[in-house]
């Protein structure tokens, strides 16, 4: 068993750690800021790909080890991870955002904003009672971490000031981007999007929740509720994603710090080399 574990960790260190480090740096840059369900789904998808890759590499050794385990050992492992899961849920999945959302609806966002002001005056100063989602998000951060969200924003500002960095954007034509979006949605459906949303719906996901309003989930929930066919849901996902991409392009175009790279028709290696040339220059 020790040899198998050592072999897996050796493979992981040599082939995976650098990729994980890059991913974590990218996520870390976004964590202090306000986020959206779409961004959470994006990062979770990126993490899941890496988890699946590591799990696949471990399967042969795990299979051999599992065959050698005695019933008492299996029971011990189950109990251990049941405890770990319970501790994780208690530590990281509380407090309940639905409770705060209900408080905002019953007492008004203004009341919730005043509660935020008592623990994070800097964040409250930038918000108005109409910014319900951001107020709830700021309260979630404080109640979960014990730190005001404005302190994370300040940490991020200082880190950016003390770091030399450049922003690059990959530019595609509207037509090419539409093709890529359509292909990506088709791939998500082939890989089980409907089954994924059905399982989440059985666990309580609804279109009233933040996650249920995410691109892909909202349209598929409408399909599962009988409001449209699967084909209609898929076409709606494509259309709404293209609209979302258009808004994102407008948003990023306004950022003068971004150097745009014409990526259409180029391989990832060619794009990477062009970015490196920009950095060298």
C-alpha atoms as a PDB file:
ATOM      1  CA  UNK A   1       0.000   0.000   0.000  1.00  0.00           C
ATOM      2  CA  UNK A   2       2.789   2.436   0.915  1.00  0.00           C
ATOM      3  CA  UNK A   3       4.525   1.815  -2.400  1.00  0.00           C
ATOM      4  CA  UNK A   4       1.327   2.463  -4.347  1.00  0.00           C
ATOM      5  CA  UNK A   5       0.646   5.715  -2.480  1.00  0.00           C
ATOM      6  CA  UNK A   6       4.252   6.850  -2.942  1.00  0.00           C
ATOM      7  CA  UNK A   7       4.074   6.112  -6.656  1.00  0.00           C
ATOM      8  CA  UNK A   8       0.858   8.113  -7.060  1.00  0.00           C
ATOM      9  CA  UNK A   9       2.214  11.120  -5.170  1.00  0.00           C
ATOM     10  CA  UNK A  10       5.382  11.026  -7.264  1.00  0.00           C
ATOM     11  CA  UNK A  11       3.288  11.085 -10.446  1.00  0.00           C
ATOM     12  CA  UNK A  12       1.140  13.899  -9.037  1.00  0.00           C
ATOM     13  CA  UNK A  13       4.106  16.066  -8.040  1.00  0.00           C
ATOM     14  CA  UNK A  14       5.829  15.645 -11.386  1.00  0.00           C
ATOM     15  CA  UNK A  15       2.844  16.100 -13.697  1.00  0.00           C
ATOM     16  CA  UNK A  16       0.035  17.901 -11.846  1.00  0.00           C
ATOM     17  CA  UNK A  17       1.245  20.340  -9.196  1.00  0.00           C
ATOM     18  CA  UNK A  18       2.301  23.101 -11.562  1.00  0.00           C
ATOM     19  CA  UNK A  19      -1.102  22.985 -13.235  1.00  0.00           C
ATOM     20  CA  UNK A  20      -2.873  23.108  -9.860  1.00  0.00           C
ATOM     21  CA  UNK A  21      -0.721  26.066  -8.784  1.00  0.00           C
ATOM     22  CA  UNK A  22      -1.723  28.025 -11.870  1.00  0.00           C
ATOM     23  CA  UNK A  23      -5.383  27.232 -11.307  1.00  0.00           C
ATOM     24  CA  UNK A  24      -5.263  28.254  -7.635  1.00  0.00           C
ATOM     25  CA  UNK A  25      -3.565  31.545  -8.487  1.00  0.00           C
ATOM     26  CA  UNK A  26      -6.298  32.305 -11.003  1.00  0.00           C
ATOM     27  CA  UNK A  27      -9.035  31.461  -8.488  1.00  0.00           C
ATOM     28  CA  UNK A  28      -7.277  33.415  -5.730  1.00  0.00           C
ATOM     29  CA  UNK A  29      -7.342  36.539  -7.884  1.00  0.00           C
ATOM     30  CA  UNK A  30     -11.155  36.341  -8.059  1.00  0.00           C
ATOM     31  CA  UNK A  31     -12.046  35.130  -4.556  1.00  0.00           C
ATOM     32  CA  UNK A  32     -12.139  38.536  -2.790  1.00  0.00           C
ATOM     33  CA  UNK A  33     -14.437  40.089  -5.394  1.00  0.00           C
ATOM     34  CA  UNK A  34     -18.173  39.664  -5.875  1.00  0.00           C
ATOM     35  CA  UNK A  35     -18.823  36.510  -7.857  1.00  0.00           C
ATOM     36  CA  UNK A  36     -21.639  34.825  -9.742  1.00  0.00           C
ATOM     37  CA  UNK A  37     -23.046  31.339 -10.108  1.00  0.00           C
ATOM     38  CA  UNK A  38     -21.571  31.172 -13.594  1.00  0.00           C
ATOM     39  CA  UNK A  39     -18.037  31.829 -12.299  1.00  0.00           C
ATOM     40  CA  UNK A  40     -18.430  29.273  -9.502  1.00  0.00           C
ATOM     41  CA  UNK A  41     -19.578  26.680 -12.055  1.00  0.00           C
ATOM     42  CA  UNK A  42     -16.655  27.609 -14.304  1.00  0.00           C
ATOM     43  CA  UNK A  43     -14.064  27.092 -11.580  1.00  0.00           C
ATOM     44  CA  UNK A  44     -15.744  23.938 -10.281  1.00  0.00           C
ATOM     45  CA  UNK A  45     -15.631  22.501 -13.793  1.00  0.00           C
ATOM     46  CA  UNK A  46     -11.911  23.260 -13.974  1.00  0.00           C
ATOM     47  CA  UNK A  47     -11.298  21.647 -10.577  1.00  0.00           C
ATOM     48  CA  UNK A  48     -13.429  18.611 -11.438  1.00  0.00           C
ATOM     49  CA  UNK A  49     -11.386  17.901 -14.574  1.00  0.00           C
ATOM     50  CA  UNK A  50      -8.248  17.738 -12.454  1.00  0.00           C
ATOM     51  CA  UNK A  51      -9.882  15.629  -9.748  1.00  0.00           C
ATOM     52  CA  UNK A  52     -11.118  13.161 -12.371  1.00  0.00           C
ATOM     53  CA  UNK A  53      -7.642  12.978 -13.895  1.00  0.00           C
ATOM     54  CA  UNK A  54      -6.046  12.211 -10.539  1.00  0.00           C
ATOM     55  CA  UNK A  55      -8.755   9.704  -9.636  1.00  0.00           C
ATOM     56  CA  UNK A  56      -8.320   7.872 -12.937  1.00  0.00           C
ATOM     57  CA  UNK A  57      -4.599   7.560 -12.303  1.00  0.00           C
ATOM     58  CA  UNK A  58      -5.277   6.130  -8.832  1.00  0.00           C
ATOM     59  CA  UNK A  59      -7.954   3.590  -9.837  1.00  0.00           C
ATOM     60  CA  UNK A  60      -5.648   0.599 -10.603  1.00  0.00           C
ATOM     61  CA  UNK A  61      -3.823   0.858  -7.280  1.00  0.00           C
ATOM     62  CA  UNK A  62      -7.031   1.535  -5.321  1.00  0.00           C
ATOM     63  CA  UNK A  63      -8.645  -1.523  -6.880  1.00  0.00           C
ATOM     64  CA  UNK A  64      -5.785  -3.742  -5.740  1.00  0.00           C
ATOM     65  CA  UNK A  65      -5.787  -2.228  -2.247  1.00  0.00           C
ATOM     66  CA  UNK A  66      -9.583  -2.531  -1.899  1.00  0.00           C
ATOM     67  CA  UNK A  67      -9.438  -6.251  -2.657  1.00  0.00           C
ATOM     68  CA  UNK A  68      -7.071  -6.731   0.268  1.00  0.00           C
ATOM     69  CA  UNK A  69      -9.141  -4.861   2.881  1.00  0.00           C
ATOM     70  CA  UNK A  70     -10.979  -6.701   5.623  1.00  0.00           C
ATOM     71  CA  UNK A  71     -14.595  -5.786   6.571  1.00  0.00           C
ATOM     72  CA  UNK A  72     -13.445  -4.132   9.799  1.00  0.00           C
ATOM     73  CA  UNK A  73     -11.009  -1.924   7.876  1.00  0.00           C
ATOM     74  CA  UNK A  74     -13.698  -0.871   5.403  1.00  0.00           C
ATOM     75  CA  UNK A  75     -16.055   0.026   8.272  1.00  0.00           C
ATOM     76  CA  UNK A  76     -13.299   2.104   9.906  1.00  0.00           C
ATOM     77  CA  UNK A  77     -12.726   4.049   6.664  1.00  0.00           C
ATOM     78  CA  UNK A  78     -16.456   4.699   6.255  1.00  0.00           C
ATOM     79  CA  UNK A  79     -16.752   6.010   9.809  1.00  0.00           C
ATOM     80  CA  UNK A  80     -13.692   8.220   9.404  1.00  0.00           C
ATOM     81  CA  UNK A  81     -14.925   9.905   6.252  1.00  0.00           C
ATOM     82  CA  UNK A  82     -18.477  10.261   7.576  1.00  0.00           C
ATOM     83  CA  UNK A  83     -16.982  12.252  10.472  1.00  0.00           C
ATOM     84  CA  UNK A  84     -14.845  14.333   8.111  1.00  0.00           C
ATOM     85  CA  UNK A  85     -17.844  15.134   5.924  1.00  0.00           C
ATOM     86  CA  UNK A  86     -19.933  16.173   8.925  1.00  0.00           C
ATOM     87  CA  UNK A  87     -17.152  18.469  10.186  1.00  0.00           C
ATOM     88  CA  UNK A  88     -16.759  20.017   6.732  1.00  0.00           C
ATOM     89  CA  UNK A  89     -20.486  20.673   6.492  1.00  0.00           C
ATOM     90  CA  UNK A  90     -20.586  22.306   9.926  1.00  0.00           C
ATOM     91  CA  UNK A  91     -17.523  24.462   9.282  1.00  0.00           C
ATOM     92  CA  UNK A  92     -17.938  25.565   5.675  1.00  0.00           C
ATOM     93  CA  UNK A  93     -21.611  25.233   4.771  1.00  0.00           C
ATOM     94  CA  UNK A  94     -22.942  27.508   7.495  1.00  0.00           C
ATOM     95  CA  UNK A  95     -24.454  29.992   7.924  1.00  0.00           C
ATOM     96  CA  UNK A  96     -27.377  29.488   5.616  1.00  0.00           C
ATOM     97  CA  UNK A  97     -27.620  32.065   2.778  1.00  0.00           C
ATOM     98  CA  UNK A  98     -31.307  31.239   2.379  1.00  0.00           C
ATOM     99  CA  UNK A  99     -31.853  32.483   5.931  1.00  0.00           C
ATOM    100  CA  UNK A 100     -30.236  35.814   5.108  1.00  0.00           C
ATOM    101  CA  UNK A 101     -32.219  36.055   1.881  1.00  0.00           C
ATOM    102  CA  UNK A 102     -35.410  35.513   3.878  1.00  0.00           C
ATOM    103  CA  UNK A 103     -34.273  38.176   6.361  1.00  0.00           C
ATOM    104  CA  UNK A 104     -33.711  40.615   3.504  1.00  0.00           C
ATOM    105  CA  UNK A 105     -37.197  39.941   2.174  1.00  0.00           C
ATOM    106  CA  UNK A 106     -38.925  40.202   5.545  1.00  0.00           C
ATOM    107  CA  UNK A 107     -37.001  43.097   7.091  1.00  0.00           C
ATOM    108  CA  UNK A 108     -35.908  44.811   3.903  1.00  0.00           C
ATOM    109  CA  UNK A 109     -32.431  45.122   2.433  1.00  0.00           C
ATOM    110  CA  UNK A 110     -32.001  48.418   4.270  1.00  0.00           C
ATOM    111  CA  UNK A 111     -32.084  46.629   7.620  1.00  0.00           C
ATOM    112  CA  UNK A 112     -29.601  44.027   6.417  1.00  0.00           C
ATOM    113  CA  UNK A 113     -27.365  46.818   5.105  1.00  0.00           C
ATOM    114  CA  UNK A 114     -27.309  48.415   8.553  1.00  0.00           C
ATOM    115  CA  UNK A 115     -26.273  45.087  10.062  1.00  0.00           C
ATOM    116  CA  UNK A 116     -23.464  44.930   7.513  1.00  0.00           C
ATOM    117  CA  UNK A 117     -22.440  48.489   8.403  1.00  0.00           C
ATOM    118  CA  UNK A 118     -21.913  47.398  12.015  1.00  0.00           C
ATOM    119  CA  UNK A 119     -19.301  44.803  10.983  1.00  0.00           C
ATOM    120  CA  UNK A 120     -17.976  46.194   7.694  1.00  0.00           C
ATOM    121  CA  UNK A 121     -18.523  49.934   7.320  1.00  0.00           C
ATOM    122  CA  UNK A 122     -16.245  50.158   4.266  1.00  0.00           C
ATOM    123  CA  UNK A 123     -18.279  47.608   2.305  1.00  0.00           C
ATOM    124  CA  UNK A 124     -21.604  49.109   3.432  1.00  0.00           C
ATOM    125  CA  UNK A 125     -20.489  52.553   2.277  1.00  0.00           C
ATOM    126  CA  UNK A 126     -20.169  51.294  -1.306  1.00  0.00           C
ATOM    127  CA  UNK A 127     -23.595  49.603  -1.348  1.00  0.00           C
ATOM    128  CA  UNK A 128     -27.180  50.756  -1.404  1.00  0.00           C
ATOM    129  CA  UNK A 129     -30.307  48.949  -0.144  1.00  0.00           C
ATOM    130  CA  UNK A 130     -30.967  47.943  -3.772  1.00  0.00           C
ATOM    131  CA  UNK A 131     -27.761  45.839  -3.845  1.00  0.00           C
ATOM    132  CA  UNK A 132     -29.403  42.880  -2.097  1.00  0.00           C
ATOM    133  CA  UNK A 133     -27.165  40.183  -3.584  1.00  0.00           C
ATOM    134  CA  UNK A 134     -23.966  42.040  -2.715  1.00  0.00           C
ATOM    135  CA  UNK A 135     -25.174  42.777   0.806  1.00  0.00           C
ATOM    136  CA  UNK A 136     -25.981  39.085   1.335  1.00  0.00           C
ATOM    137  CA  UNK A 137     -22.604  38.110  -0.138  1.00  0.00           C
ATOM    138  CA  UNK A 138     -20.752  40.501   2.199  1.00  0.00           C
ATOM    139  CA  UNK A 139     -22.597  39.102   5.213  1.00  0.00           C
ATOM    140  CA  UNK A 140     -21.833  35.545   4.092  1.00  0.00           C
ATOM    141  CA  UNK A 141     -18.118  36.336   3.882  1.00  0.00           C
ATOM    142  CA  UNK A 142     -18.058  37.912   7.340  1.00  0.00           C
ATOM    143  CA  UNK A 143     -20.074  35.185   9.051  1.00  0.00           C
ATOM    144  CA  UNK A 144     -18.101  32.397   7.360  1.00  0.00           C
ATOM    145  CA  UNK A 145     -14.553  33.777   7.698  1.00  0.00           C
ATOM    146  CA  UNK A 146     -14.824  36.240  10.577  1.00  0.00           C
ATOM    147  CA  UNK A 147     -13.317  38.911   8.321  1.00  0.00           C
ATOM    148  CA  UNK A 148     -15.098  41.759   6.524  1.00  0.00           C
ATOM    149  CA  UNK A 149     -15.188  41.403   2.756  1.00  0.00           C
ATOM    150  CA  UNK A 150     -13.545  44.829   2.438  1.00  0.00           C
ATOM    151  CA  UNK A 151     -10.397  43.403   4.068  1.00  0.00           C
ATOM    152  CA  UNK A 152     -10.164  40.816   1.272  1.00  0.00           C
ATOM    153  CA  UNK A 153     -10.573  43.597  -1.285  1.00  0.00           C
ATOM    154  CA  UNK A 154      -7.761  45.527   0.413  1.00  0.00           C
ATOM    155  CA  UNK A 155      -5.500  42.450   0.464  1.00  0.00           C
ATOM    156  CA  UNK A 156      -6.139  42.008  -3.237  1.00  0.00           C
ATOM    157  CA  UNK A 157      -5.390  45.668  -3.963  1.00  0.00           C
ATOM    158  CA  UNK A 158      -2.059  45.483  -2.105  1.00  0.00           C
ATOM    159  CA  UNK A 159      -1.129  42.238  -3.820  1.00  0.00           C
ATOM    160  CA  UNK A 160      -1.799  43.759  -7.220  1.00  0.00           C
ATOM    161  CA  UNK A 161       0.234  46.861  -6.388  1.00  0.00           C
ATOM    162  CA  UNK A 162       3.215  44.747  -5.349  1.00  0.00           C
ATOM    163  CA  UNK A 163       3.073  42.316  -8.263  1.00  0.00           C
ATOM    164  CA  UNK A 164       4.185  42.791 -11.842  1.00  0.00           C
ATOM    165  CA  UNK A 165       1.498  41.320 -14.044  1.00  0.00           C
ATOM    166  CA  UNK A 166      -0.126  41.677 -17.445  1.00  0.00           C
ATOM    167  CA  UNK A 167      -3.578  40.821 -18.715  1.00  0.00           C
ATOM    168  CA  UNK A 168      -4.115  39.046 -22.021  1.00  0.00           C
ATOM    169  CA  UNK A 169      -7.409  38.349 -23.752  1.00  0.00           C
ATOM    170  CA  UNK A 170      -8.036  35.844 -26.516  1.00  0.00           C
ATOM    171  CA  UNK A 171      -9.978  37.428 -29.360  1.00  0.00           C
ATOM    172  CA  UNK A 172     -12.388  35.462 -31.558  1.00  0.00           C
ATOM    173  CA  UNK A 173     -14.906  36.707 -34.077  1.00  0.00           C
ATOM    174  CA  UNK A 174     -18.553  36.659 -33.041  1.00  0.00           C
ATOM    175  CA  UNK A 175     -19.186  33.820 -35.484  1.00  0.00           C
ATOM    176  CA  UNK A 176     -16.275  31.701 -34.249  1.00  0.00           C
ATOM    177  CA  UNK A 177     -17.228  32.303 -30.618  1.00  0.00           C
ATOM    178  CA  UNK A 178     -20.808  31.230 -31.348  1.00  0.00           C
ATOM    179  CA  UNK A 179     -19.542  27.974 -32.869  1.00  0.00           C
ATOM    180  CA  UNK A 180     -17.349  27.289 -29.822  1.00  0.00           C
ATOM    181  CA  UNK A 181     -20.236  28.012 -27.444  1.00  0.00           C
ATOM    182  CA  UNK A 182     -22.615  25.742 -29.351  1.00  0.00           C
ATOM    183  CA  UNK A 183     -20.045  22.926 -29.409  1.00  0.00           C
ATOM    184  CA  UNK A 184     -19.378  23.337 -25.696  1.00  0.00           C
ATOM    185  CA  UNK A 185     -23.083  23.168 -24.831  1.00  0.00           C
ATOM    186  CA  UNK A 186     -23.525  20.061 -26.991  1.00  0.00           C
ATOM    187  CA  UNK A 187     -20.576  18.457 -25.191  1.00  0.00           C
ATOM    188  CA  UNK A 188     -22.064  19.315 -21.773  1.00  0.00           C
ATOM    189  CA  UNK A 189     -25.349  17.664 -22.763  1.00  0.00           C
ATOM    190  CA  UNK A 190     -23.533  14.553 -24.039  1.00  0.00           C
ATOM    191  CA  UNK A 191     -21.579  14.380 -20.788  1.00  0.00           C
ATOM    192  CA  UNK A 192     -24.747  14.333 -18.664  1.00  0.00           C
ATOM    193  CA  UNK A 193     -25.960  17.871 -17.963  1.00  0.00           C
ATOM    194  CA  UNK A 194     -29.581  16.725 -17.834  1.00  0.00           C
ATOM    195  CA  UNK A 195     -28.770  13.943 -15.366  1.00  0.00           C
ATOM    196  CA  UNK A 196     -26.680  16.318 -13.253  1.00  0.00           C
ATOM    197  CA  UNK A 197     -29.475  18.881 -12.971  1.00  0.00           C
ATOM    198  CA  UNK A 198     -32.064  16.163 -12.333  1.00  0.00           C
ATOM    199  CA  UNK A 199     -29.994  14.874  -9.403  1.00  0.00           C
ATOM    200  CA  UNK A 200     -29.585  18.393  -8.014  1.00  0.00           C
ATOM    201  CA  UNK A 201     -33.318  19.042  -8.406  1.00  0.00           C
ATOM    202  CA  UNK A 202     -34.042  15.951  -6.347  1.00  0.00           C
ATOM    203  CA  UNK A 203     -31.791  17.444  -3.649  1.00  0.00           C
ATOM    204  CA  UNK A 204     -33.723  20.719  -3.641  1.00  0.00           C
ATOM    205  CA  UNK A 205     -32.307  22.850  -6.462  1.00  0.00           C
ATOM    206  CA  UNK A 206     -34.913  25.260  -7.847  1.00  0.00           C
ATOM    207  CA  UNK A 207     -34.967  28.218 -10.190  1.00  0.00           C
ATOM    208  CA  UNK A 208     -35.619  30.457  -7.193  1.00  0.00           C
ATOM    209  CA  UNK A 209     -32.111  29.811  -5.871  1.00  0.00           C
ATOM    210  CA  UNK A 210     -28.947  31.565  -7.014  1.00  0.00           C
ATOM    211  CA  UNK A 211     -27.495  28.334  -8.405  1.00  0.00           C
ATOM    212  CA  UNK A 212     -30.771  27.495 -10.110  1.00  0.00           C
ATOM    213  CA  UNK A 213     -30.569  30.713 -12.106  1.00  0.00           C
ATOM    214  CA  UNK A 214     -27.150  29.803 -13.533  1.00  0.00           C
ATOM    215  CA  UNK A 215     -26.704  29.373 -17.273  1.00  0.00           C
ATOM    216  CA  UNK A 216     -27.528  25.802 -18.205  1.00  0.00           C
ATOM    217  CA  UNK A 217     -29.210  24.981 -14.911  1.00  0.00           C
ATOM    218  CA  UNK A 218     -32.117  27.402 -15.350  1.00  0.00           C
ATOM    219  CA  UNK A 219     -32.977  26.172 -18.833  1.00  0.00           C
ATOM    220  CA  UNK A 220     -32.606  22.513 -17.890  1.00  0.00           C
ATOM    221  CA  UNK A 221     -34.784  22.984 -14.804  1.00  0.00           C
ATOM    222  CA  UNK A 222     -37.474  24.448 -17.079  1.00  0.00           C
ATOM    223  CA  UNK A 223     -37.223  21.306 -19.196  1.00  0.00           C
ATOM    224  CA  UNK A 224     -37.507  19.046 -16.160  1.00  0.00           C
ATOM    225  CA  UNK A 225     -40.539  21.061 -15.009  1.00  0.00           C
ATOM    226  CA  UNK A 226     -42.212  20.267 -18.334  1.00  0.00           C
ATOM    227  CA  UNK A 227     -42.112  23.824 -19.676  1.00  0.00           C
ATOM    228  CA  UNK A 228     -40.086  22.911 -22.774  1.00  0.00           C
ATOM    229  CA  UNK A 229     -38.503  19.966 -24.553  1.00  0.00           C
ATOM    230  CA  UNK A 230     -34.883  18.932 -24.140  1.00  0.00           C
ATOM    231  CA  UNK A 231     -34.022  20.260 -27.610  1.00  0.00           C
ATOM    232  CA  UNK A 232     -35.651  23.590 -26.753  1.00  0.00           C
ATOM    233  CA  UNK A 233     -33.736  23.760 -23.478  1.00  0.00           C
ATOM    234  CA  UNK A 234     -30.442  23.094 -25.258  1.00  0.00           C
ATOM    235  CA  UNK A 235     -31.133  25.831 -27.814  1.00  0.00           C
ATOM    236  CA  UNK A 236     -32.047  28.214 -24.990  1.00  0.00           C
ATOM    237  CA  UNK A 237     -28.751  27.466 -23.226  1.00  0.00           C
ATOM    238  CA  UNK A 238     -26.847  28.232 -26.420  1.00  0.00           C
ATOM    239  CA  UNK A 239     -28.743  31.473 -27.022  1.00  0.00           C
ATOM    240  CA  UNK A 240     -28.417  32.707 -23.445  1.00  0.00           C
ATOM    241  CA  UNK A 241     -24.726  31.799 -23.333  1.00  0.00           C
ATOM    242  CA  UNK A 242     -24.075  33.731 -26.541  1.00  0.00           C
ATOM    243  CA  UNK A 243     -25.869  36.727 -25.040  1.00  0.00           C
ATOM    244  CA  UNK A 244     -23.842  36.385 -21.847  1.00  0.00           C
ATOM    245  CA  UNK A 245     -20.612  36.188 -23.895  1.00  0.00           C
ATOM    246  CA  UNK A 246     -21.582  39.400 -25.708  1.00  0.00           C
ATOM    247  CA  UNK A 247     -22.007  41.220 -22.376  1.00  0.00           C
ATOM    248  CA  UNK A 248     -18.698  39.834 -21.155  1.00  0.00           C
ATOM    249  CA  UNK A 249     -16.896  41.015 -24.301  1.00  0.00           C
ATOM    250  CA  UNK A 250     -18.318  44.504 -23.818  1.00  0.00           C
ATOM    251  CA  UNK A 251     -17.191  44.444 -20.185  1.00  0.00           C
ATOM    252  CA  UNK A 252     -13.638  43.312 -20.947  1.00  0.00           C
ATOM    253  CA  UNK A 253     -13.293  45.677 -23.914  1.00  0.00           C
ATOM    254  CA  UNK A 254     -13.611  48.573 -21.494  1.00  0.00           C
ATOM    255  CA  UNK A 255     -10.523  47.366 -19.575  1.00  0.00           C
ATOM    256  CA  UNK A 256      -7.564  49.174 -21.116  1.00  0.00           C
ATOM    257  CA  UNK A 257      -5.093  46.924 -19.292  1.00  0.00           C
ATOM    258  CA  UNK A 258      -5.921  43.908 -21.469  1.00  0.00           C
ATOM    259  CA  UNK A 259      -3.684  43.122 -24.428  1.00  0.00           C
ATOM    260  CA  UNK A 260      -5.768  41.265 -27.004  1.00  0.00           C
ATOM    261  CA  UNK A 261      -4.363  38.297 -28.906  1.00  0.00           C
ATOM    262  CA  UNK A 262      -6.015  37.222 -32.165  1.00  0.00           C
ATOM    263  CA  UNK A 263      -6.609  33.551 -31.330  1.00  0.00           C
ATOM    264  CA  UNK A 264      -8.857  32.372 -34.134  1.00  0.00           C
ATOM    265  CA  UNK A 265      -7.332  29.523 -36.143  1.00  0.00           C
ATOM    266  CA  UNK A 266      -4.255  29.291 -33.891  1.00  0.00           C
ATOM    267  CA  UNK A 267      -3.163  26.363 -31.751  1.00  0.00           C
ATOM    268  CA  UNK A 268      -2.768  26.782 -27.969  1.00  0.00           C
ATOM    269  CA  UNK A 269       1.020  26.514 -28.389  1.00  0.00           C
ATOM    270  CA  UNK A 270       1.038  29.290 -30.991  1.00  0.00           C
ATOM    271  CA  UNK A 271      -1.069  31.524 -28.745  1.00  0.00           C
ATOM    272  CA  UNK A 272       1.188  30.839 -25.772  1.00  0.00           C
ATOM    273  CA  UNK A 273       4.265  31.693 -27.842  1.00  0.00           C
ATOM    274  CA  UNK A 274       2.702  34.981 -28.953  1.00  0.00           C
ATOM    275  CA  UNK A 275       1.976  35.898 -25.329  1.00  0.00           C
ATOM    276  CA  UNK A 276       5.550  35.041 -24.363  1.00  0.00           C
ATOM    277  CA  UNK A 277       6.829  37.275 -27.158  1.00  0.00           C
ATOM    278  CA  UNK A 278       4.740  40.135 -25.776  1.00  0.00           C
ATOM    279  CA  UNK A 279       6.206  39.544 -22.318  1.00  0.00           C
ATOM    280  CA  UNK A 280       9.764  39.402 -23.664  1.00  0.00           C
ATOM    281  CA  UNK A 281       9.240  42.629 -25.565  1.00  0.00           C
END
